[in-house]
Amino acid sequence: MNKTKTPPCIGHDQETEVLEDMDTIIDTLIEDLMTPQNVIVLHNDDVNSFDLVIACLIAYCDKGYEEAQQTALIIHNKGKCIVKRGSIEDLTPICTALTDKGLNAQIQ
């Protein structure tokens, strides 16, 4: 005779909780997909130093030093890079701060 193991059953309350958690996750993913995401694009220039760009990415874009350094290199080599994602309301003051420091940034 073949004996197959029956998976352990979870209680009704646990099953309901798991399903509710899945519903919450799915709702969040759908909302994220439906919400238009804007980005700040930082463009390369021949004026600002790597140190200034790195400092601004750390201060305004919540990047760690290594990520800011890598992003600055991408901007230098590719000509531009997305440095922040979010809503217009969240990105506008960040973009303004970057441009006030002399960087070429724009929201797209």
PDB file of N, CA and C in Angstrom:
ATOM      1  N   MET A   1       0.815  -1.185   0.000  1.00  0.00           N
ATOM      2  CA  MET A   1       0.000   0.000   0.000  1.00  0.00           C
ATOM      3  C   MET A   1       0.861   1.251   0.000  1.00  0.00           C
ATOM      4  N   ASN A   2       0.471   2.204  -0.784  1.00  0.00           N
ATOM      5  CA  ASN A   2       1.134   3.498  -0.783  1.00  0.00           C
ATOM      6  C   ASN A   2       0.562   4.357   0.322  1.00  0.00           C
ATOM      7  N   LYS A   3       1.407   4.797   1.167  1.00  0.00           N
ATOM      8  CA  LYS A   3       0.945   5.690   2.220  1.00  0.00           C
ATOM      9  C   LYS A   3       1.463   7.085   1.896  1.00  0.00           C
ATOM     10  N   THR A   4       0.557   7.996   1.748  1.00  0.00           N
ATOM     11  CA  THR A   4       0.949   9.380   1.518  1.00  0.00           C
ATOM     12  C   THR A   4       0.708  10.153   2.790  1.00  0.00           C
ATOM     13  N   LYS A   5       1.590  11.074   3.012  1.00  0.00           N
ATOM     14  CA  LYS A   5       1.452  11.884   4.210  1.00  0.00           C
ATOM     15  C   LYS A   5       0.465  13.010   3.933  1.00  0.00           C
ATOM     16  N   THR A   6      -0.403  13.189   4.847  1.00  0.00           N
ATOM     17  CA  THR A   6      -1.354  14.282   4.754  1.00  0.00           C
ATOM     18  C   THR A   6      -0.717  15.501   5.406  1.00  0.00           C
ATOM     19  N   PRO A   7      -0.745  16.624   4.703  1.00  0.00           N
ATOM     20  CA  PRO A   7      -0.144  17.816   5.298  1.00  0.00           C
ATOM     21  C   PRO A   7      -0.906  18.205   6.554  1.00  0.00           C
ATOM     22  N   PRO A   8      -0.189  18.766   7.503  1.00  0.00           N
ATOM     23  CA  PRO A   8      -0.875  19.168   8.724  1.00  0.00           C
ATOM     24  C   PRO A   8      -1.899  20.250   8.409  1.00  0.00           C
ATOM     25  N   CYS A   9      -3.016  20.154   9.044  1.00  0.00           N
ATOM     26  CA  CYS A   9      -4.084  21.128   8.832  1.00  0.00           C
ATOM     27  C   CYS A   9      -3.841  22.337   9.713  1.00  0.00           C
ATOM     28  N   ILE A  10      -4.190  23.460   9.186  1.00  0.00           N
ATOM     29  CA  ILE A  10      -4.126  24.652  10.010  1.00  0.00           C
ATOM     30  C   ILE A  10      -5.541  24.957  10.455  1.00  0.00           C
ATOM     31  N   GLY A  11      -5.645  25.636  11.558  1.00  0.00           N
ATOM     32  CA  GLY A  11      -6.952  25.959  12.100  1.00  0.00           C
ATOM     33  C   GLY A  11      -7.673  26.979  11.242  1.00  0.00           C
ATOM     34  N   HIS A  12      -8.964  27.061  11.407  1.00  0.00           N
ATOM     35  CA  HIS A  12      -9.786  27.979  10.625  1.00  0.00           C
ATOM     36  C   HIS A  12      -9.348  29.427  10.829  1.00  0.00           C
ATOM     37  N   ASP A  13      -9.053  29.793  12.070  1.00  0.00           N
ATOM     38  CA  ASP A  13      -8.632  31.166  12.355  1.00  0.00           C
ATOM     39  C   ASP A  13      -7.317  31.496  11.657  1.00  0.00           C
ATOM     40  N   GLN A  14      -6.381  30.545  11.649  1.00  0.00           N
ATOM     41  CA  GLN A  14      -5.098  30.764  10.974  1.00  0.00           C
ATOM     42  C   GLN A  14      -5.299  30.878   9.472  1.00  0.00           C
ATOM     43  N   GLU A  15      -6.151  30.047   8.919  1.00  0.00           N
ATOM     44  CA  GLU A  15      -6.427  30.091   7.480  1.00  0.00           C
ATOM     45  C   GLU A  15      -7.051  31.424   7.109  1.00  0.00           C
ATOM     46  N   THR A  16      -7.979  31.908   7.902  1.00  0.00           N
ATOM     47  CA  THR A  16      -8.621  33.189   7.641  1.00  0.00           C
ATOM     48  C   THR A  16      -7.600  34.318   7.703  1.00  0.00           C
ATOM     49  N   GLU A  17      -6.706  34.257   8.680  1.00  0.00           N
ATOM     50  CA  GLU A  17      -5.678  35.276   8.829  1.00  0.00           C
ATOM     51  C   GLU A  17      -4.743  35.287   7.622  1.00  0.00           C
ATOM     52  N   VAL A  18      -4.356  34.120   7.159  1.00  0.00           N
ATOM     53  CA  VAL A  18      -3.477  34.014   5.992  1.00  0.00           C
ATOM     54  C   VAL A  18      -4.168  34.600   4.766  1.00  0.00           C
ATOM     55  N   LEU A  19      -5.425  34.274   4.572  1.00  0.00           N
ATOM     56  CA  LEU A  19      -6.166  34.789   3.422  1.00  0.00           C
ATOM     57  C   LEU A  19      -6.330  36.307   3.498  1.00  0.00           C
ATOM     58  N   GLU A  20      -6.584  36.822   4.705  1.00  0.00           N
ATOM     59  CA  GLU A  20      -6.698  38.271   4.865  1.00  0.00           C
ATOM     60  C   GLU A  20      -5.362  38.954   4.581  1.00  0.00           C
ATOM     61  N   ASP A  21      -4.265  38.342   5.034  1.00  0.00           N
ATOM     62  CA  ASP A  21      -2.939  38.886   4.743  1.00  0.00           C
ATOM     63  C   ASP A  21      -2.686  38.906   3.236  1.00  0.00           C
ATOM     64  N   MET A  22      -3.059  37.836   2.554  1.00  0.00           N
ATOM     65  CA  MET A  22      -2.884  37.765   1.094  1.00  0.00           C
ATOM     66  C   MET A  22      -3.727  38.828   0.410  1.00  0.00           C
ATOM     67  N   ASP A  23      -4.953  39.028   0.876  1.00  0.00           N
ATOM     68  CA  ASP A  23      -5.818  40.068   0.304  1.00  0.00           C
ATOM     69  C   ASP A  23      -5.185  41.446   0.472  1.00  0.00           C
ATOM     70  N   THR A  24      -4.602  41.700   1.627  1.00  0.00           N
ATOM     71  CA  THR A  24      -3.942  42.977   1.881  1.00  0.00           C
ATOM     72  C   THR A  24      -2.751  43.162   0.957  1.00  0.00           C
ATOM     73  N   ILE A  25      -1.959  42.132   0.798  1.00  0.00           N
ATOM     74  CA  ILE A  25      -0.797  42.199  -0.090  1.00  0.00           C
ATOM     75  C   ILE A  25      -1.232  42.454  -1.525  1.00  0.00           C
ATOM     76  N   ILE A  26      -2.242  41.747  -1.977  1.00  0.00           N
ATOM     77  CA  ILE A  26      -2.732  41.913  -3.350  1.00  0.00           C
ATOM     78  C   ILE A  26      -3.290  43.316  -3.543  1.00  0.00           C
ATOM     79  N   ASP A  27      -4.062  43.805  -2.578  1.00  0.00           N
ATOM     80  CA  ASP A  27      -4.614  45.157  -2.672  1.00  0.00           C
ATOM     81  C   ASP A  27      -3.503  46.203  -2.753  1.00  0.00           C
ATOM     82  N   THR A  28      -2.449  46.030  -1.959  1.00  0.00           N
ATOM     83  CA  THR A  28      -1.316  46.959  -1.970  1.00  0.00           C
ATOM     84  C   THR A  28      -0.596  46.930  -3.310  1.00  0.00           C
ATOM     85  N   LEU A  29      -0.379  45.741  -3.859  1.00  0.00           N
ATOM     86  CA  LEU A  29       0.283  45.620  -5.163  1.00  0.00           C
ATOM     87  C   LEU A  29      -0.544  46.269  -6.259  1.00  0.00           C
ATOM     88  N   ILE A  30      -1.848  46.048  -6.241  1.00  0.00           N
ATOM     89  CA  ILE A  30      -2.733  46.645  -7.251  1.00  0.00           C
ATOM     90  C   ILE A  30      -2.704  48.161  -7.129  1.00  0.00           C
ATOM     91  N   GLU A  31      -2.765  48.664  -5.904  1.00  0.00           N
ATOM     92  CA  GLU A  31      -2.725  50.109  -5.690  1.00  0.00           C
ATOM     93  C   GLU A  31      -1.412  50.701  -6.195  1.00  0.00           C
ATOM     94  N   ASP A  32      -0.301  50.003  -5.923  1.00  0.00           N
ATOM     95  CA  ASP A  32       1.003  50.471  -6.401  1.00  0.00           C
ATOM     96  C   ASP A  32       1.059  50.511  -7.921  1.00  0.00           C
ATOM     97  N   LEU A  33       0.478  49.502  -8.557  1.00  0.00           N
ATOM     98  CA  LEU A  33       0.478  49.459 -10.019  1.00  0.00           C
ATOM     99  C   LEU A  33      -0.416  50.527 -10.618  1.00  0.00           C
ATOM    100  N   MET A  34      -1.495  50.841  -9.937  1.00  0.00           N
ATOM    101  CA  MET A  34      -2.453  51.817 -10.450  1.00  0.00           C
ATOM    102  C   MET A  34      -2.022  53.256 -10.180  1.00  0.00           C
ATOM    103  N   THR A  35      -1.161  53.461  -9.186  1.00  0.00           N
ATOM    104  CA  THR A  35      -0.700  54.797  -8.839  1.00  0.00           C
ATOM    105  C   THR A  35       0.463  55.164  -9.744  1.00  0.00           C
ATOM    106  N   PRO A  36       0.291  56.234 -10.519  1.00  0.00           N
ATOM    107  CA  PRO A  36       1.392  56.619 -11.396  1.00  0.00           C
ATOM    108  C   PRO A  36       2.605  57.041 -10.573  1.00  0.00           C
ATOM    109  N   GLN A  37       3.735  56.475 -10.920  1.00  0.00           N
ATOM    110  CA  GLN A  37       4.972  56.811 -10.226  1.00  0.00           C
ATOM    111  C   GLN A  37       5.763  57.797 -11.074  1.00  0.00           C
ATOM    112  N   ASN A  38       6.153  58.856 -10.442  1.00  0.00           N
ATOM    113  CA  ASN A  38       7.006  59.821 -11.095  1.00  0.00           C
ATOM    114  C   ASN A  38       8.429  59.580 -10.617  1.00  0.00           C
ATOM    115  N   VAL A  39       9.370  60.127 -11.335  1.00  0.00           N
ATOM    116  CA  VAL A  39      10.774  59.938 -10.990  1.00  0.00           C
ATOM    117  C   VAL A  39      11.516  61.259 -11.095  1.00  0.00           C
ATOM    118  N   ILE A  40      12.587  61.367 -10.308  1.00  0.00           N
ATOM    119  CA  ILE A  40      13.530  62.469 -10.486  1.00  0.00           C
ATOM    120  C   ILE A  40      14.695  61.911 -11.285  1.00  0.00           C
ATOM    121  N   VAL A  41      14.986  62.576 -12.379  1.00  0.00           N
ATOM    122  CA  VAL A  41      16.129  62.206 -13.209  1.00  0.00           C
ATOM    123  C   VAL A  41      17.206  63.267 -12.996  1.00  0.00           C
ATOM    124  N   LEU A  42      18.395  62.809 -12.659  1.00  0.00           N
ATOM    125  CA  LEU A  42      19.528  63.705 -12.478  1.00  0.00           C
ATOM    126  C   LEU A  42      20.428  63.574 -13.696  1.00  0.00           C
ATOM    127  N   HIS A  43      20.730  64.710 -14.321  1.00  0.00           N
ATOM    128  CA  HIS A  43      21.526  64.731 -15.558  1.00  0.00           C
ATOM    129  C   HIS A  43      22.970  65.108 -15.261  1.00  0.00           C
ATOM    130  N   ASN A  44      23.853  64.588 -16.073  1.00  0.00           N
ATOM    131  CA  ASN A  44      25.268  64.896 -15.967  1.00  0.00           C
ATOM    132  C   ASN A  44      25.525  66.333 -16.396  1.00  0.00           C
ATOM    133  N   ASP A  45      26.519  66.939 -15.801  1.00  0.00           N
ATOM    134  CA  ASP A  45      26.990  68.252 -16.252  1.00  0.00           C
ATOM    135  C   ASP A  45      28.506  68.307 -16.064  1.00  0.00           C
ATOM    136  N   ASP A  46      29.095  69.332 -16.614  1.00  0.00           N
ATOM    137  CA  ASP A  46      30.551  69.489 -16.502  1.00  0.00           C
ATOM    138  C   ASP A  46      30.922  70.504 -15.433  1.00  0.00           C
ATOM    139  N   VAL A  47      29.958  70.847 -14.574  1.00  0.00           N
ATOM    140  CA  VAL A  47      30.174  71.904 -13.591  1.00  0.00           C
ATOM    141  C   VAL A  47      30.364  71.356 -12.187  1.00  0.00           C
ATOM    142  N   ASN A  48      29.476  70.475 -11.780  1.00  0.00           N
ATOM    143  CA  ASN A  48      29.458  69.998 -10.393  1.00  0.00           C
ATOM    144  C   ASN A  48      30.399  68.823 -10.171  1.00  0.00           C
ATOM    145  N   SER A  49      30.975  68.788  -8.968  1.00  0.00           N
ATOM    146  CA  SER A  49      31.925  67.729  -8.627  1.00  0.00           C
ATOM    147  C   SER A  49      31.181  66.462  -8.203  1.00  0.00           C
ATOM    148  N   PHE A  50      31.907  65.360  -8.253  1.00  0.00           N
ATOM    149  CA  PHE A  50      31.356  64.085  -7.766  1.00  0.00           C
ATOM    150  C   PHE A  50      30.984  64.222  -6.296  1.00  0.00           C
ATOM    151  N   ASP A  51      31.823  64.908  -5.547  1.00  0.00           N
ATOM    152  CA  ASP A  51      31.567  65.055  -4.111  1.00  0.00           C
ATOM    153  C   ASP A  51      30.240  65.766  -3.841  1.00  0.00           C
ATOM    154  N   LEU A  52      29.944  66.810  -4.601  1.00  0.00           N
ATOM    155  CA  LEU A  52      28.682  67.526  -4.427  1.00  0.00           C
ATOM    156  C   LEU A  52      27.503  66.627  -4.791  1.00  0.00           C
ATOM    157  N   VAL A  53      27.600  65.930  -5.913  1.00  0.00           N
ATOM    158  CA  VAL A  53      26.519  65.036  -6.349  1.00  0.00           C
ATOM    159  C   VAL A  53      26.284  63.954  -5.298  1.00  0.00           C
ATOM    160  N   ILE A  54      27.346  63.349  -4.821  1.00  0.00           N
ATOM    161  CA  ILE A  54      27.229  62.299  -3.803  1.00  0.00           C
ATOM    162  C   ILE A  54      26.592  62.849  -2.533  1.00  0.00           C
ATOM    163  N   ALA A  55      27.051  64.017  -2.093  1.00  0.00           N
ATOM    164  CA  ALA A  55      26.498  64.626  -0.877  1.00  0.00           C
ATOM    165  C   ALA A  55      25.002  64.914  -1.036  1.00  0.00           C
ATOM    166  N   CYS A  56      24.604  65.393  -2.200  1.00  0.00           N
ATOM    167  CA  CYS A  56      23.186  65.693  -2.439  1.00  0.00           C
ATOM    168  C   CYS A  56      22.341  64.419  -2.504  1.00  0.00           C
ATOM    169  N   LEU A  57      22.866  63.383  -3.116  1.00  0.00           N
ATOM    170  CA  LEU A  57      22.130  62.117  -3.176  1.00  0.00           C
ATOM    171  C   LEU A  57      21.931  61.545  -1.777  1.00  0.00           C
ATOM    172  N   ILE A  58      22.931  61.695  -0.928  1.00  0.00           N
ATOM    173  CA  ILE A  58      22.815  61.221   0.455  1.00  0.00           C
ATOM    174  C   ILE A  58      21.810  62.081   1.224  1.00  0.00           C
ATOM    175  N   ALA A  59      21.930  63.384   1.086  1.00  0.00           N
ATOM    176  CA  ALA A  59      21.105  64.306   1.863  1.00  0.00           C
ATOM    177  C   ALA A  59      19.644  64.328   1.429  1.00  0.00           C
ATOM    178  N   TYR A  60      19.390  64.275   0.127  1.00  0.00           N
ATOM    179  CA  TYR A  60      18.034  64.499  -0.360  1.00  0.00           C
ATOM    180  C   TYR A  60      17.340  63.252  -0.904  1.00  0.00           C
ATOM    181  N   CYS A  61      18.114  62.258  -1.316  1.00  0.00           N
ATOM    182  CA  CYS A  61      17.513  61.081  -1.959  1.00  0.00           C
ATOM    183  C   CYS A  61      17.607  59.826  -1.098  1.00  0.00           C
ATOM    184  N   ASP A  62      17.998  59.983   0.145  1.00  0.00           N
ATOM    185  CA  ASP A  62      18.060  58.861   1.099  1.00  0.00           C
ATOM    186  C   ASP A  62      18.945  57.712   0.617  1.00  0.00           C
ATOM    187  N   LYS A  63      20.057  58.048   0.013  1.00  0.00           N
ATOM    188  CA  LYS A  63      20.989  57.011  -0.440  1.00  0.00           C
ATOM    189  C   LYS A  63      22.163  56.917   0.530  1.00  0.00           C
ATOM    190  N   GLY A  64      22.671  55.718   0.703  1.00  0.00           N
ATOM    191  CA  GLY A  64      23.890  55.530   1.469  1.00  0.00           C
ATOM    192  C   GLY A  64      25.080  55.973   0.636  1.00  0.00           C
ATOM    193  N   TYR A  65      26.245  56.060   1.272  1.00  0.00           N
ATOM    194  CA  TYR A  65      27.419  56.570   0.563  1.00  0.00           C
ATOM    195  C   TYR A  65      27.754  55.741  -0.668  1.00  0.00           C
ATOM    196  N   GLU A  66      27.812  54.422  -0.534  1.00  0.00           N
ATOM    197  CA  GLU A  66      28.188  53.576  -1.676  1.00  0.00           C
ATOM    198  C   GLU A  66      27.174  53.680  -2.810  1.00  0.00           C
ATOM    199  N   GLU A  67      25.880  53.668  -2.475  1.00  0.00           N
ATOM    200  CA  GLU A  67      24.857  53.788  -3.520  1.00  0.00           C
ATOM    201  C   GLU A  67      24.932  55.153  -4.197  1.00  0.00           C
ATOM    202  N   ALA A  68      25.169  56.205  -3.423  1.00  0.00           N
ATOM    203  CA  ALA A  68      25.300  57.546  -3.987  1.00  0.00           C
ATOM    204  C   ALA A  68      26.508  57.625  -4.912  1.00  0.00           C
ATOM    205  N   GLN A  69      27.601  56.988  -4.504  1.00  0.00           N
ATOM    206  CA  GLN A  69      28.807  56.973  -5.327  1.00  0.00           C
ATOM    207  C   GLN A  69      28.555  56.236  -6.649  1.00  0.00           C
ATOM    208  N   GLN A  70      27.899  55.086  -6.576  1.00  0.00           N
ATOM    209  CA  GLN A  70      27.583  54.315  -7.785  1.00  0.00           C
ATOM    210  C   GLN A  70      26.629  55.085  -8.696  1.00  0.00           C
ATOM    211  N   THR A  71      25.642  55.749  -8.088  1.00  0.00           N
ATOM    212  CA  THR A  71      24.693  56.541  -8.871  1.00  0.00           C
ATOM    213  C   THR A  71      25.404  57.687  -9.578  1.00  0.00           C
ATOM    214  N   ALA A  72      26.326  58.346  -8.884  1.00  0.00           N
ATOM    215  CA  ALA A  72      27.084  59.441  -9.501  1.00  0.00           C
ATOM    216  C   ALA A  72      27.895  58.937 -10.694  1.00  0.00           C
ATOM    217  N   LEU A  73      28.466  57.755 -10.578  1.00  0.00           N
ATOM    218  CA  LEU A  73      29.220  57.182 -11.700  1.00  0.00           C
ATOM    219  C   LEU A  73      28.295  56.861 -12.884  1.00  0.00           C
ATOM    220  N   ILE A  74      27.111  56.353 -12.596  1.00  0.00           N
ATOM    221  CA  ILE A  74      26.141  56.067 -13.662  1.00  0.00           C
ATOM    222  C   ILE A  74      25.767  57.361 -14.366  1.00  0.00           C
ATOM    223  N   ILE A  75      25.494  58.403 -13.593  1.00  0.00           N
ATOM    224  CA  ILE A  75      25.141  59.706 -14.184  1.00  0.00           C
ATOM    225  C   ILE A  75      26.283  60.196 -15.069  1.00  0.00           C
ATOM    226  N   HIS A  76      27.499  60.075 -14.592  1.00  0.00           N
ATOM    227  CA  HIS A  76      28.664  60.526 -15.355  1.00  0.00           C
ATOM    228  C   HIS A  76      28.827  59.724 -16.653  1.00  0.00           C
ATOM    229  N   ASN A  77      28.669  58.403 -16.573  1.00  0.00           N
ATOM    230  CA  ASN A  77      28.907  57.549 -17.739  1.00  0.00           C
ATOM    231  C   ASN A  77      27.730  57.473 -18.703  1.00  0.00           C
ATOM    232  N   LYS A  78      26.516  57.498 -18.182  1.00  0.00           N
ATOM    233  CA  LYS A  78      25.324  57.343 -19.040  1.00  0.00           C
ATOM    234  C   LYS A  78      24.672  58.675 -19.393  1.00  0.00           C
ATOM    235  N   GLY A  79      25.019  59.724 -18.655  1.00  0.00           N
ATOM    236  CA  GLY A  79      24.450  61.043 -18.927  1.00  0.00           C
ATOM    237  C   GLY A  79      23.264  61.392 -18.044  1.00  0.00           C
ATOM    238  N   LYS A  80      22.638  60.390 -17.439  1.00  0.00           N
ATOM    239  CA  LYS A  80      21.518  60.653 -16.540  1.00  0.00           C
ATOM    240  C   LYS A  80      21.183  59.372 -15.784  1.00  0.00           C
ATOM    241  N   CYS A  81      20.405  59.546 -14.715  1.00  0.00           N
ATOM    242  CA  CYS A  81      19.993  58.389 -13.923  1.00  0.00           C
ATOM    243  C   CYS A  81      18.772  58.775 -13.088  1.00  0.00           C
ATOM    244  N   ILE A  82      17.874  57.831 -12.910  1.00  0.00           N
ATOM    245  CA  ILE A  82      16.755  58.032 -11.992  1.00  0.00           C
ATOM    246  C   ILE A  82      17.318  57.940 -10.577  1.00  0.00           C
ATOM    247  N   VAL A  83      17.034  58.965  -9.768  1.00  0.00           N
ATOM    248  CA  VAL A  83      17.586  58.987  -8.414  1.00  0.00           C
ATOM    249  C   VAL A  83      16.527  58.860  -7.326  1.00  0.00           C
ATOM    250  N   LYS A  84      15.254  59.016  -7.693  1.00  0.00           N
ATOM    251  CA  LYS A  84      14.187  58.916  -6.695  1.00  0.00           C
ATOM    252  C   LYS A  84      12.868  58.660  -7.404  1.00  0.00           C
ATOM    253  N   ARG A  85      12.002  57.834  -6.784  1.00  0.00           N
ATOM    254  CA  ARG A  85      10.662  57.547  -7.295  1.00  0.00           C
ATOM    255  C   ARG A  85       9.635  57.951  -6.254  1.00  0.00           C
ATOM    256  N   GLY A  86       8.463  58.372  -6.716  1.00  0.00           N
ATOM    257  CA  GLY A  86       7.404  58.713  -5.775  1.00  0.00           C
ATOM    258  C   GLY A  86       6.353  59.585  -6.406  1.00  0.00           C
ATOM    259  N   SER A  87       5.524  60.150  -5.560  1.00  0.00           N
ATOM    260  CA  SER A  87       4.459  61.029  -6.029  1.00  0.00           C
ATOM    261  C   SER A  87       5.034  62.419  -6.306  1.00  0.00           C
ATOM    262  N   ILE A  88       4.320  63.189  -7.089  1.00  0.00           N
ATOM    263  CA  ILE A  88       4.735  64.566  -7.387  1.00  0.00           C
ATOM    264  C   ILE A  88       4.916  65.346  -6.088  1.00  0.00           C
ATOM    265  N   GLU A  89       3.984  65.146  -5.156  1.00  0.00           N
ATOM    266  CA  GLU A  89       4.035  65.871  -3.885  1.00  0.00           C
ATOM    267  C   GLU A  89       5.320  65.562  -3.110  1.00  0.00           C
ATOM    268  N   ASP A  90       5.741  64.306  -3.135  1.00  0.00           N
ATOM    269  CA  ASP A  90       6.964  63.920  -2.427  1.00  0.00           C
ATOM    270  C   ASP A  90       8.224  64.352  -3.172  1.00  0.00           C
ATOM    271  N   LEU A  91       8.179  64.303  -4.495  1.00  0.00           N
ATOM    272  CA  LEU A  91       9.378  64.570  -5.292  1.00  0.00           C
ATOM    273  C   LEU A  91       9.675  66.052  -5.496  1.00  0.00           C
ATOM    274  N   THR A  92       8.647  66.888  -5.494  1.00  0.00           N
ATOM    275  CA  THR A  92       8.849  68.307  -5.805  1.00  0.00           C
ATOM    276  C   THR A  92       9.854  68.986  -4.869  1.00  0.00           C
ATOM    277  N   PRO A  93       9.730  68.849  -3.542  1.00  0.00           N
ATOM    278  CA  PRO A  93      10.737  69.515  -2.695  1.00  0.00           C
ATOM    279  C   PRO A  93      12.142  68.921  -2.846  1.00  0.00           C
ATOM    280  N   ILE A  94      12.223  67.645  -3.142  1.00  0.00           N
ATOM    281  CA  ILE A  94      13.534  67.012  -3.338  1.00  0.00           C
ATOM    282  C   ILE A  94      14.180  67.550  -4.608  1.00  0.00           C
ATOM    283  N   CYS A  95      13.405  67.613  -5.673  1.00  0.00           N
ATOM    284  CA  CYS A  95      13.925  68.127  -6.950  1.00  0.00           C
ATOM    285  C   CYS A  95      14.335  69.594  -6.804  1.00  0.00           C
ATOM    286  N   THR A  96      13.531  70.364  -6.085  1.00  0.00           N
ATOM    287  CA  THR A  96      13.857  71.773  -5.847  1.00  0.00           C
ATOM    288  C   THR A  96      15.175  71.902  -5.079  1.00  0.00           C
ATOM    289  N   ALA A  97      15.357  71.057  -4.066  1.00  0.00           N
ATOM    290  CA  ALA A  97      16.605  71.093  -3.286  1.00  0.00           C
ATOM    291  C   ALA A  97      17.808  70.755  -4.166  1.00  0.00           C
ATOM    292  N   LEU A  98      17.652  69.770  -5.042  1.00  0.00           N
ATOM    293  CA  LEU A  98      18.752  69.386  -5.936  1.00  0.00           C
ATOM    294  C   LEU A  98      19.095  70.522  -6.893  1.00  0.00           C
ATOM    295  N   THR A  99      18.071  71.143  -7.471  1.00  0.00           N
ATOM    296  CA  THR A  99      18.332  72.233  -8.423  1.00  0.00           C
ATOM    297  C   THR A  99      18.868  73.469  -7.695  1.00  0.00           C
ATOM    298  N   ASP A 100      18.426  73.697  -6.449  1.00  0.00           N
ATOM    299  CA  ASP A 100      18.970  74.816  -5.670  1.00  0.00           C
ATOM    300  C   ASP A 100      20.462  74.637  -5.408  1.00  0.00           C
ATOM    301  N   LYS A 101      20.935  73.399  -5.380  1.00  0.00           N
ATOM    302  CA  LYS A 101      22.363  73.110  -5.200  1.00  0.00           C
ATOM    303  C   LYS A 101      23.123  73.197  -6.523  1.00  0.00           C
ATOM    304  N   GLY A 102      22.401  73.500  -7.612  1.00  0.00           N
ATOM    305  CA  GLY A 102      23.058  73.655  -8.915  1.00  0.00           C
ATOM    306  C   GLY A 102      23.045  72.415  -9.774  1.00  0.00           C
ATOM    307  N   LEU A 103      22.364  71.369  -9.335  1.00  0.00           N
ATOM    308  CA  LEU A 103      22.310  70.135 -10.122  1.00  0.00           C
ATOM    309  C   LEU A 103      21.196  70.225 -11.153  1.00  0.00           C
ATOM    310  N   ASN A 104      21.351  69.489 -12.241  1.00  0.00           N
ATOM    311  CA  ASN A 104      20.373  69.465 -13.320  1.00  0.00           C
ATOM    312  C   ASN A 104      19.412  68.303 -13.087  1.00  0.00           C
ATOM    313  N   ALA A 105      18.333  68.565 -12.369  1.00  0.00           N
ATOM    314  CA  ALA A 105      17.368  67.529 -12.031  1.00  0.00           C
ATOM    315  C   ALA A 105      15.997  67.927 -12.542  1.00  0.00           C
ATOM    316  N   GLN A 106      15.210  66.913 -12.900  1.00  0.00           N
ATOM    317  CA  GLN A 106      13.840  67.177 -13.333  1.00  0.00           C
ATOM    318  C   GLN A 106      12.941  66.002 -12.978  1.00  0.00           C
ATOM    319  N   ILE A 107      11.672  66.306 -12.772  1.00  0.00           N
ATOM    320  CA  ILE A 107      10.686  65.272 -12.485  1.00  0.00           C
ATOM    321  C   ILE A 107      10.071  64.840 -13.810  1.00  0.00           C
ATOM    322  N   GLN A 108       9.980  63.542 -13.982  1.00  0.00           N
ATOM    323  CA  GLN A 108       9.356  63.009 -15.201  1.00  0.00           C
ATOM    324  C   GLN A 108       8.242  62.070 -14.795  1.00  0.00           C
TER     325      GLN A 108
END
